[in-house]
Amino acid sequence: MNHTRTRSDSRRGRRDLRDAERTARREGLLVLLARADRGVLTPEDSAALRSCVETEVAECETFRRSAGGQQVAAMRLHRTLAAADSCLVETEGERDQYAARLARVEQLVDVLAARVGADEQQLVEDIRRACTSSNETEGGSR
């Protein structure tokens, strides 16, 4: 049993088969071109030459269209990444603004804590908790 054979129904097998066909076709083209250079092309050789050239042109067009589609997809991904990057920069800017505002509120809470009496200290602590944790439920008395 020959273990070096590739299955023709696999992706690799189909690729290898296309490569072998292309190589054989191009070798045939070289033979036909050499005959054309010597001026000894038969009518069958002319038909074979035309067939090989038409096949090569069609294959090149297929690959060119595929490459064009891949370029369009790559440009679309590039635009998507640029938009995501822009959103990230904007979000980080907003985060920094909110962090600065929170720091200022915390400073004001410290000033308030120093100025209010014992009865209002619960309100100061509620404000302090609200600044440090958004997940806590409201507590304390008013």
Protein backbone atom coordinates (compact mmCIF):
# COMPACT_ATOMS: atom_id res chain seq x y z
CA MET A 1 0.00 0.00 0.00
CA ASN A 2 1.32 3.43 -0.95
CA HIS A 3 1.04 5.75 2.06
CA THR A 4 2.42 8.81 0.24
CA ARG A 5 -0.72 9.25 -1.88
CA THR A 6 -2.99 12.11 -0.94
CA ARG A 7 -6.75 11.66 -0.96
CA SER A 8 -8.27 13.52 -3.89
CA ASP A 9 -11.38 14.39 -1.87
CA SER A 10 -9.40 16.34 0.72
CA ARG A 11 -8.48 20.00 0.37
CA ARG A 12 -4.80 19.12 0.13
CA GLY A 13 -5.57 16.40 -2.42
CA ARG A 14 -7.56 18.77 -4.62
CA ARG A 15 -4.80 21.38 -4.40
CA ASP A 16 -2.14 18.81 -5.29
CA LEU A 17 -4.26 17.60 -8.22
CA ARG A 18 -4.69 21.18 -9.51
CA ASP A 19 -0.95 21.79 -9.12
CA ALA A 20 -0.13 18.61 -11.06
CA GLU A 21 -2.58 19.54 -13.83
CA ARG A 22 -1.14 23.05 -14.03
CA THR A 23 2.42 21.71 -14.19
CA ALA A 24 1.51 19.24 -16.95
CA ARG A 25 -0.35 21.96 -18.88
CA ARG A 26 2.60 24.34 -18.64
CA GLU A 27 5.06 21.67 -19.70
CA GLY A 28 2.81 21.00 -22.71
CA LEU A 29 2.76 24.72 -23.46
CA LEU A 30 6.55 24.82 -23.50
CA VAL A 31 6.65 21.89 -25.95
CA LEU A 32 4.05 23.57 -28.18
CA LEU A 33 5.87 26.88 -28.07
CA ALA A 34 9.13 25.16 -29.02
CA ARG A 35 7.35 23.59 -32.01
CA ALA A 36 5.89 26.99 -32.94
CA ASP A 37 9.39 28.48 -32.81
CA ARG A 38 10.56 25.82 -35.29
CA GLY A 39 7.44 26.37 -37.42
CA VAL A 40 6.26 22.76 -37.16
CA LEU A 41 2.89 23.14 -35.42
CA THR A 42 0.26 20.73 -36.67
CA PRO A 43 -3.43 21.66 -36.64
CA GLU A 44 -3.80 19.45 -33.53
CA ASP A 45 -0.88 21.30 -31.90
CA SER A 46 -2.56 24.64 -32.67
CA ALA A 47 -5.81 23.46 -31.08
CA ALA A 48 -3.90 22.16 -28.03
CA LEU A 49 -1.99 25.43 -27.75
CA ARG A 50 -5.22 27.43 -27.87
CA SER A 51 -6.85 25.17 -25.25
CA CYS A 52 -3.87 25.43 -22.87
CA VAL A 53 -3.65 29.22 -23.22
CA GLU A 54 -7.41 29.67 -22.72
CA THR A 55 -7.26 27.48 -19.59
CA GLU A 56 -4.32 29.48 -18.20
CA VAL A 57 -6.10 32.79 -18.90
CA ALA A 58 -9.32 31.57 -17.24
CA GLU A 59 -7.39 30.33 -14.19
CA CYS A 60 -5.51 33.63 -13.90
CA GLU A 61 -8.79 35.55 -14.07
CA THR A 62 -10.25 33.36 -11.33
CA PHE A 63 -7.25 33.95 -9.09
CA ARG A 64 -7.30 37.69 -9.85
CA ARG A 65 -10.98 37.93 -8.83
CA SER A 66 -10.27 35.94 -5.69
CA ALA A 67 -7.35 38.19 -4.78
CA GLY A 68 -9.51 41.26 -5.39
CA GLY A 69 -12.18 39.89 -3.06
CA GLN A 70 -9.57 39.18 -0.41
CA GLN A 71 -8.25 42.74 -0.71
CA VAL A 72 -11.75 44.15 -0.27
CA ALA A 73 -12.28 41.94 2.80
CA ALA A 74 -8.91 43.02 4.24
CA MET A 75 -9.76 46.70 3.70
CA ARG A 76 -13.14 46.17 5.38
CA LEU A 77 -11.43 44.55 8.38
CA HIS A 78 -8.92 47.40 8.48
CA ARG A 79 -11.77 49.96 8.62
CA THR A 80 -13.52 47.92 11.33
CA LEU A 81 -10.33 47.80 13.40
CA ALA A 82 -9.78 51.53 12.94
CA ALA A 83 -13.36 52.23 14.10
CA ALA A 84 -12.91 49.94 17.11
CA ASP A 85 -9.63 51.66 17.94
CA SER A 86 -11.35 55.04 17.75
CA CYS A 87 -14.12 53.85 20.07
CA LEU A 88 -11.55 52.54 22.51
CA VAL A 89 -9.71 55.88 22.57
CA GLU A 90 -13.00 57.71 23.11
CA THR A 91 -14.05 55.33 25.90
CA GLU A 92 -10.68 55.67 27.63
CA GLY A 93 -11.01 59.47 27.45
CA GLU A 94 -14.47 59.32 29.02
CA ARG A 95 -13.17 56.94 31.70
CA ASP A 96 -10.42 59.40 32.57
CA GLN A 97 -12.92 62.27 32.77
CA TYR A 98 -15.20 60.28 35.09
CA ALA A 99 -12.23 59.24 37.23
CA ALA A 100 -11.23 62.89 37.62
CA ARG A 101 -14.80 63.87 38.52
CA LEU A 102 -15.01 61.06 41.06
CA ALA A 103 -11.72 62.14 42.64
CA ARG A 104 -13.13 65.67 42.98
CA VAL A 105 -16.37 64.36 44.56
CA GLU A 106 -14.32 62.30 47.01
CA GLN A 107 -12.38 65.43 47.97
CA LEU A 108 -15.64 67.30 48.53
CA VAL A 109 -16.94 64.42 50.69
CA ASP A 110 -13.84 64.71 52.87
CA VAL A 111 -14.44 68.46 53.24
CA LEU A 112 -18.12 67.83 54.01
CA ALA A 113 -17.24 65.19 56.62
CA ALA A 114 -15.06 67.71 58.43
CA ARG A 115 -17.84 70.33 58.48
CA VAL A 116 -21.00 68.44 59.41
CA GLY A 117 -22.13 67.32 62.79
CA ALA A 118 -22.59 63.78 64.06
CA ASP A 119 -26.23 63.65 62.86
CA GLU A 120 -25.19 64.16 59.21
CA GLN A 121 -22.24 61.76 59.26
CA GLN A 122 -24.45 58.90 58.00
CA LEU A 123 -25.23 60.97 54.89
CA VAL A 124 -21.50 61.57 54.35
CA GLU A 125 -20.81 57.83 54.67
CA ASP A 126 -23.62 57.05 52.20
CA ILE A 127 -22.07 59.47 49.71
CA ARG A 128 -18.63 57.96 50.31
CA ARG A 129 -20.00 54.43 49.69
CA ALA A 130 -21.76 55.61 46.54
CA CYS A 131 -18.43 56.93 45.25
CA THR A 132 -16.49 53.75 45.98
CA SER A 133 -18.95 51.07 44.86
CA SER A 134 -21.67 51.29 42.25
CA ASN A 135 -22.98 47.82 43.15
CA GLU A 136 -23.94 48.51 46.75
CA THR A 137 -27.53 49.24 47.58
CA GLU A 138 -28.45 52.50 49.20
CA GLY A 139 -28.28 52.28 52.94
CA GLY A 140 -28.38 54.40 56.00
CA SER A 141 -30.84 56.97 57.25
CA ARG A 142 -31.73 60.40 56.01
